[in-house]
Protein backbone atom coordinates (compact mmCIF):
# COMPACT_ATOMS: atom_id res chain seq x y z
CA MET A 1 17.01 -22.43 106.47
CA LEU A 2 13.43 -23.12 105.43
CA ALA A 3 12.80 -24.23 109.00
CA LEU A 4 13.35 -20.62 110.12
CA THR A 5 10.20 -19.38 108.41
CA PRO A 6 7.89 -20.63 111.22
CA VAL A 7 10.23 -18.94 113.70
CA LEU A 8 9.79 -15.61 111.93
CA ARG A 9 6.02 -16.05 111.87
CA ALA A 10 6.06 -16.91 115.58
CA HIS A 11 7.63 -13.50 116.20
CA GLY A 12 4.87 -11.72 114.31
CA VAL A 13 6.69 -11.43 111.00
CA THR A 14 4.47 -11.90 107.95
CA VAL A 15 6.20 -14.19 105.47
CA ASP A 16 4.29 -13.99 102.22
CA ALA A 17 4.84 -13.15 98.57
CA TRP A 18 4.89 -9.39 99.16
CA ALA A 19 7.34 -9.73 102.07
CA VAL A 20 9.99 -11.27 99.82
CA PRO A 21 10.76 -8.30 97.53
CA VAL A 22 10.48 -5.90 100.47
CA ALA A 23 12.90 -7.95 102.57
CA ALA A 24 15.27 -8.56 99.66
CA VAL A 25 15.59 -4.86 98.77
CA THR A 26 15.87 -3.88 102.43
CA ALA A 27 18.56 -6.46 103.20
CA ALA A 28 20.46 -5.64 100.02
CA GLY A 29 20.68 -1.99 101.02
CA ALA A 30 21.39 -2.80 104.66
CA ALA A 31 24.32 -4.97 103.57
CA ILE A 32 26.10 -1.73 102.64
CA LEU A 33 24.56 0.44 105.37
CA PRO A 34 27.47 0.23 107.89
CA ASP A 35 29.63 2.11 105.37
CA VAL A 36 27.46 5.19 105.92
CA ASP A 37 30.30 6.29 108.23
CA HIS A 38 32.54 7.07 105.23
CA ALA A 39 32.03 10.18 103.10
CA HIS A 40 33.34 8.44 99.96
CA ALA A 41 31.64 5.05 100.38
CA THR A 42 28.61 3.81 98.43
CA PRO A 43 25.93 5.04 100.89
CA ALA A 44 27.38 8.56 100.82
CA ARG A 45 27.25 8.64 97.01
CA SER A 46 23.81 7.08 96.63
CA LEU A 47 21.67 10.20 97.05
CA GLY A 48 24.05 13.04 96.29
CA PRO A 49 24.72 15.79 98.85
CA VAL A 50 21.95 14.60 101.17
CA SER A 51 23.52 11.18 101.77
CA ALA A 52 27.01 12.73 101.76
CA GLY A 53 26.02 15.05 104.60
CA LEU A 54 24.45 12.17 106.49
CA ALA A 55 27.61 10.09 106.08
CA TRP A 56 29.73 12.94 107.43
CA CYS A 57 27.56 13.21 110.54
CA VAL A 58 27.50 9.45 111.15
CA GLY A 59 31.27 9.26 110.71
CA LYS A 60 31.79 11.94 113.35
CA LEU A 61 29.41 10.29 115.81
CA SER A 62 30.76 6.76 115.31
CA GLY A 63 34.46 7.55 115.47
CA GLY A 64 35.24 7.36 111.77
CA HIS A 65 35.22 4.57 109.23
CA ARG A 66 34.92 0.99 110.50
CA ASN A 67 34.31 1.86 114.10
CA GLY A 68 30.88 2.30 115.68
CA THR A 69 28.83 1.28 112.67
CA HIS A 70 30.87 -1.93 112.36
CA SER A 71 30.17 -3.14 115.90
CA PHE A 72 27.38 -4.78 117.88
CA VAL A 73 26.36 -1.27 118.92
CA GLY A 74 25.99 -0.33 115.26
CA LEU A 75 24.02 -3.50 114.52
CA ALA A 76 21.66 -2.73 117.41
CA ALA A 77 21.35 0.92 116.35
CA PHE A 78 20.48 0.12 112.73
CA THR A 79 18.00 -2.57 113.77
CA GLY A 80 16.46 -0.34 116.44
CA LEU A 81 16.13 2.56 114.00
CA SER A 82 14.40 0.37 111.44
CA PHE A 83 12.02 -1.01 114.08
CA TRP A 84 11.15 2.51 115.24
CA LEU A 85 10.51 3.60 111.66
CA THR A 86 8.15 0.66 111.11
CA GLN A 87 6.17 1.91 114.10
CA VAL A 88 6.10 5.46 112.72
CA GLY A 89 5.35 4.34 109.16
CA GLY A 90 4.35 6.76 106.42
CA LEU A 91 6.86 9.15 104.91
CA PRO A 92 9.77 8.47 107.32
CA LEU A 93 9.61 4.75 106.57
CA GLY A 94 9.29 5.43 102.86
CA LEU A 95 12.36 7.67 102.86
CA PHE A 96 14.34 5.03 104.76
CA LEU A 97 13.34 2.32 102.29
CA SER A 98 14.16 4.57 99.35
CA PHE A 99 17.59 5.21 100.87
CA LEU A 100 18.20 1.46 101.16
CA PHE A 101 16.99 1.01 97.58
CA ALA A 102 19.44 3.69 96.43
CA ILE A 103 22.32 2.05 98.31
CA ALA A 104 21.55 -1.37 96.83
CA ALA A 105 21.34 0.09 93.31
CA ALA A 106 24.64 1.92 93.75
CA ALA A 107 26.37 -1.15 95.19
CA LEU A 108 25.26 -3.20 92.19
CA ARG A 109 26.53 -0.47 89.87
CA VAL A 110 23.02 0.11 88.56
CA ASN A 111 22.80 3.68 87.29
CA MET A 112 19.14 3.75 86.41
CA VAL A 113 19.35 7.45 85.60
CA ARG A 114 22.67 9.03 84.69
CA ALA A 115 21.94 12.41 86.26
CA THR A 116 22.35 12.45 90.04
CA VAL A 117 19.14 14.42 90.53
CA GLY A 118 17.20 12.00 88.35
CA HIS A 119 18.58 9.00 90.23
CA THR A 120 17.69 10.59 93.56
CA LEU A 121 14.14 11.35 92.44
CA LEU A 122 13.68 7.82 91.08
CA CYS A 123 14.76 6.28 94.40
CA LEU A 124 12.40 8.56 96.31
CA VAL A 125 9.56 7.56 93.99
CA MET A 126 10.35 3.90 94.67
CA GLY A 127 10.13 4.60 98.39
CA ALA A 128 6.80 6.34 97.91
CA MET A 129 5.54 3.37 95.90
CA LEU A 130 6.48 1.03 98.74
CA VAL A 131 4.56 3.19 101.20
CA ARG A 132 1.59 3.30 98.83
CA GLY A 133 1.77 -0.48 98.69
CA ALA A 134 1.05 -0.52 102.41
CA VAL A 135 -2.45 0.67 101.64
CA LEU A 136 -2.95 -1.48 98.56
CA ASP A 137 -1.59 -4.83 99.56
CA SER A 138 -0.99 -5.24 103.32
CA PHE A 139 2.60 -4.05 103.27
CA PRO A 140 4.51 -6.26 105.79
CA VAL A 141 6.54 -3.56 107.57
CA GLU A 142 7.41 -5.97 110.37
CA VAL A 143 9.86 -7.71 108.03
CA VAL A 144 12.02 -4.58 107.71
CA PRO A 145 13.95 -4.84 111.03
CA TRP A 146 14.71 -8.51 110.39
CA ALA A 147 15.98 -7.72 106.91
CA VAL A 148 18.09 -4.81 108.16
CA ALA A 149 19.63 -6.97 110.89
CA THR A 150 20.39 -9.66 108.31
CA GLY A 151 21.98 -7.22 105.87
CA VAL A 152 24.14 -5.50 108.50
CA THR A 153 25.27 -8.88 109.87
CA VAL A 154 26.30 -9.99 106.38
CA HIS A 155 28.32 -6.79 106.02
CA LEU A 156 30.13 -7.35 109.32
CA LEU A 157 30.95 -10.94 108.38
CA GLY A 158 32.29 -9.74 105.05
CA ASP A 159 34.48 -7.06 106.60
CA MET A 160 35.77 -9.52 109.19
CA ALA A 161 37.28 -11.47 106.32
CA THR A 162 39.66 -8.57 105.66
CA VAL A 163 42.84 -7.58 107.44
CA GLN A 164 41.15 -4.50 108.93
CA GLY A 165 38.50 -6.56 110.73
CA CYS A 166 35.68 -5.07 112.82
CA PRO A 167 35.73 -3.63 116.38
CA LEU A 168 32.73 -5.69 117.46
CA PHE A 169 32.74 -4.49 121.08
CA TRP A 170 33.22 -0.79 120.31
CA PRO A 171 33.39 1.52 122.27
CA VAL A 172 34.19 -0.66 125.29
CA HIS A 173 36.91 -2.59 123.52
CA ARG A 174 38.46 -1.45 120.25
CA HIS A 175 40.17 -4.71 119.29
CA ARG A 176 39.41 -5.59 115.67
CA TYR A 177 38.22 -9.13 115.05
CA ASN A 178 38.80 -10.98 111.81
CA TYR A 179 38.85 -14.62 110.73
CA LEU A 180 40.77 -14.00 107.49
CA ALA A 181 43.34 -11.41 106.46
CA LEU A 182 42.29 -10.53 102.93
CA SER A 183 43.61 -7.24 101.66
CA THR A 184 41.23 -5.15 99.59
CA ASP A 185 41.69 -1.89 97.77
CA HIS A 186 39.01 0.61 96.81
CA ALA A 187 38.49 -0.95 93.37
CA VAL A 188 37.97 -4.45 94.78
CA GLU A 189 35.60 -3.19 97.48
CA ARG A 190 33.60 -1.17 94.96
CA TRP A 191 33.36 -3.75 92.17
CA VAL A 192 33.53 -7.06 94.04
CA VAL A 193 32.92 -6.86 97.79
CA GLY A 194 30.01 -4.41 97.68
CA PRO A 195 27.98 -6.23 95.01
CA ALA A 196 28.76 -9.60 96.62
CA LEU A 197 27.51 -8.48 100.04
CA THR A 198 24.39 -6.97 98.49
CA LEU A 199 23.50 -10.12 96.56
CA ALA A 200 24.34 -12.38 99.51
CA ALA A 201 22.01 -10.48 101.83
CA ALA A 202 19.17 -10.52 99.29
CA TRP A 203 19.66 -14.24 98.66
CA LEU A 204 19.67 -14.96 102.39
CA VAL A 205 16.35 -13.28 103.11
CA VAL A 206 14.74 -14.97 100.11
CA THR A 207 15.95 -18.30 101.48
CA LEU A 208 14.62 -17.48 104.94
CA ALA A 209 11.26 -16.60 103.42
CA GLY A 210 10.91 -19.95 101.70
CA GLY A 211 13.51 -20.35 99.00
CA VAL A 212 13.02 -20.28 95.25
CA ASP A 213 9.40 -21.42 95.56
CA VAL A 214 8.39 -17.93 96.68
CA ILE A 215 10.14 -16.02 93.88
CA GLY A 216 7.35 -16.52 91.33
CA PRO A 217 4.53 -15.35 93.64
CA ALA A 218 6.75 -12.50 94.84
CA LEU A 219 7.33 -11.21 91.31
CA HIS A 220 3.63 -11.55 90.51
CA THR A 221 2.63 -9.60 93.63
CA THR A 222 5.20 -6.90 92.95
CA TRP A 223 4.04 -6.49 89.35
CA ARG A 224 0.39 -6.34 90.41
CA THR A 225 1.17 -3.63 92.96
CA VAL A 226 3.18 -1.58 90.46
CA ARG A 227 0.37 -1.81 87.91
CA SER A 228 -2.13 -0.60 90.50
CA LEU A 229 -0.04 2.54 90.98
CA VAL A 230 -0.11 3.46 87.29
CA PRO A 231 -3.10 5.61 86.31
CA GLY A 232 -5.33 4.37 83.55
């Protein structure tokens, strides 16, 4: 996979130390993003009533759980939305990144703040920090669509391992494709499948960016940026 790094650079994607944590967090959240069509799934619970309302709307537009958002149309829509937001930048992009951060944290069962309001505010602050990083350290926004596409693809591959499968050619053809017939219940999806997809997506983008050799510089760059945001 290391050979793919020049390919990304050839398409205008900056692959450096700062791109790694951005891509990892983005892909980790995007690996759960297709479930935004379900009012009781992780994305709907990640930011309280705001994300719950969003999930309700998406579910209505996409035909319910595991339909439009779990198809090639959904993959294109999520990727296209993320690309558009990178062009807009600023607050909209920051809110999107904070939403993905919240999803990833929820999928990994990381309750950084017990109170829902506190958790929501913390995630929004993280998004604002990422936007602030654009000014401080050449924030590589062009990596976001690639990371979103990677995360969503990992999610589809994971769901295709279950008996429910995915309607890849929705809405033209509603046949559900799967290569395995694993049966999962809500507990397994919440405690096993969700965290596994999140970690797999994050690992994949780190590998694409250069493997373990970039982790040290990535952590150093992230820490330096965080320190620059703290007054004093």
